[in-house]
Protein backbone atom coordinates (compact mmCIF):
# COMPACT_ATOMS: atom_id res chain seq x y z
CA MET A 1 0.02 -0.12 -0.12
CA THR A 2 2.64 2.60 0.82
CA LYS A 3 4.32 2.02 -2.51
CA LYS A 4 1.00 3.31 -4.35
CA LYS A 5 0.89 6.17 -2.14
CA ASP A 6 4.53 7.23 -2.81
CA ASN A 7 4.28 6.55 -6.18
CA LEU A 8 1.19 8.87 -6.56
CA LYS A 9 2.85 11.66 -4.47
CA GLU A 10 6.01 11.72 -7.05
CA SER A 11 3.98 11.47 -10.39
CA ASP A 12 2.83 14.71 -11.74
CA LYS A 13 -0.61 15.89 -12.61
CA GLU A 14 -0.98 14.71 -16.03
CA GLU A 15 0.15 11.11 -15.17
CA LEU A 16 -2.31 11.18 -12.54
CA LYS A 17 -5.17 12.02 -15.09
CA THR A 18 -4.38 9.37 -17.31
CA LYS A 19 -4.49 6.79 -14.54
CA LEU A 20 -7.81 8.24 -13.61
CA VAL A 21 -9.12 7.77 -17.07
CA ALA A 22 -8.12 4.41 -17.56
CA LEU A 23 -9.45 3.30 -13.91
CA THR A 24 -12.94 4.81 -14.45
CA GLU A 25 -12.85 3.10 -17.75
CA SER A 26 -11.82 -0.26 -16.17
CA LEU A 27 -14.77 0.02 -13.57
CA ARG A 28 -17.28 0.93 -16.20
CA VAL A 29 -16.20 -2.37 -18.10
CA LEU A 30 -16.46 -4.30 -15.00
CA ARG A 31 -19.59 -3.36 -14.04
CA PHE A 32 -21.14 -4.08 -17.48
CA ASN A 33 -19.53 -7.28 -17.42
CA THR A 34 -20.90 -8.38 -14.10
CA GLN A 35 -24.34 -7.27 -14.97
CA GLY A 36 -25.23 -10.57 -16.39
CA SER A 37 -23.07 -13.00 -14.80
CA LYS A 38 -21.29 -13.62 -11.25
CA SER A 39 -17.88 -12.09 -10.71
CA LYS A 40 -15.11 -14.19 -9.74
CA ASN A 41 -13.13 -11.40 -7.80
CA VAL A 42 -16.00 -9.97 -5.73
CA LYS A 43 -13.71 -7.09 -4.36
CA GLU A 44 -12.54 -5.93 -7.60
CA GLU A 45 -14.86 -3.15 -7.78
CA ALA A 46 -14.17 -1.97 -4.29
CA THR A 47 -10.24 -1.95 -4.77
CA ILE A 48 -10.67 0.06 -8.11
CA LYS A 49 -13.07 2.43 -6.40
CA LYS A 50 -10.38 3.11 -3.56
CA ASP A 51 -7.57 3.67 -6.38
CA ILE A 52 -9.82 6.24 -7.93
CA ALA A 53 -10.01 7.91 -4.55
CA ARG A 54 -6.52 7.84 -3.86
CA ILE A 55 -5.73 9.26 -7.05
CA MET A 56 -8.43 11.97 -7.08
CA THR A 57 -6.88 12.97 -3.41
CA ALA A 58 -3.66 13.04 -4.93
CA ILE A 59 -4.59 15.47 -7.95
CA LYS A 60 -6.40 17.74 -5.28
CA ALA A 61 -3.28 17.96 -3.03
CA LYS A 62 -1.19 19.11 -6.29
CA LYS A 63 -3.39 22.01 -6.76
């Protein structure tokens, strides 16, 4: 966990924005895929949401 936080603090704002876009897209795809079938990894959606929140916090801290 601390590795992710350190990497977010070191990266610049544009990198964080691209990561945010990629994570939101993967969350959208995950939601559509699990709509009709059962997911094998139940916690995957929660971890993606937490990663998105971490990135958004890092972006706001850079302002």
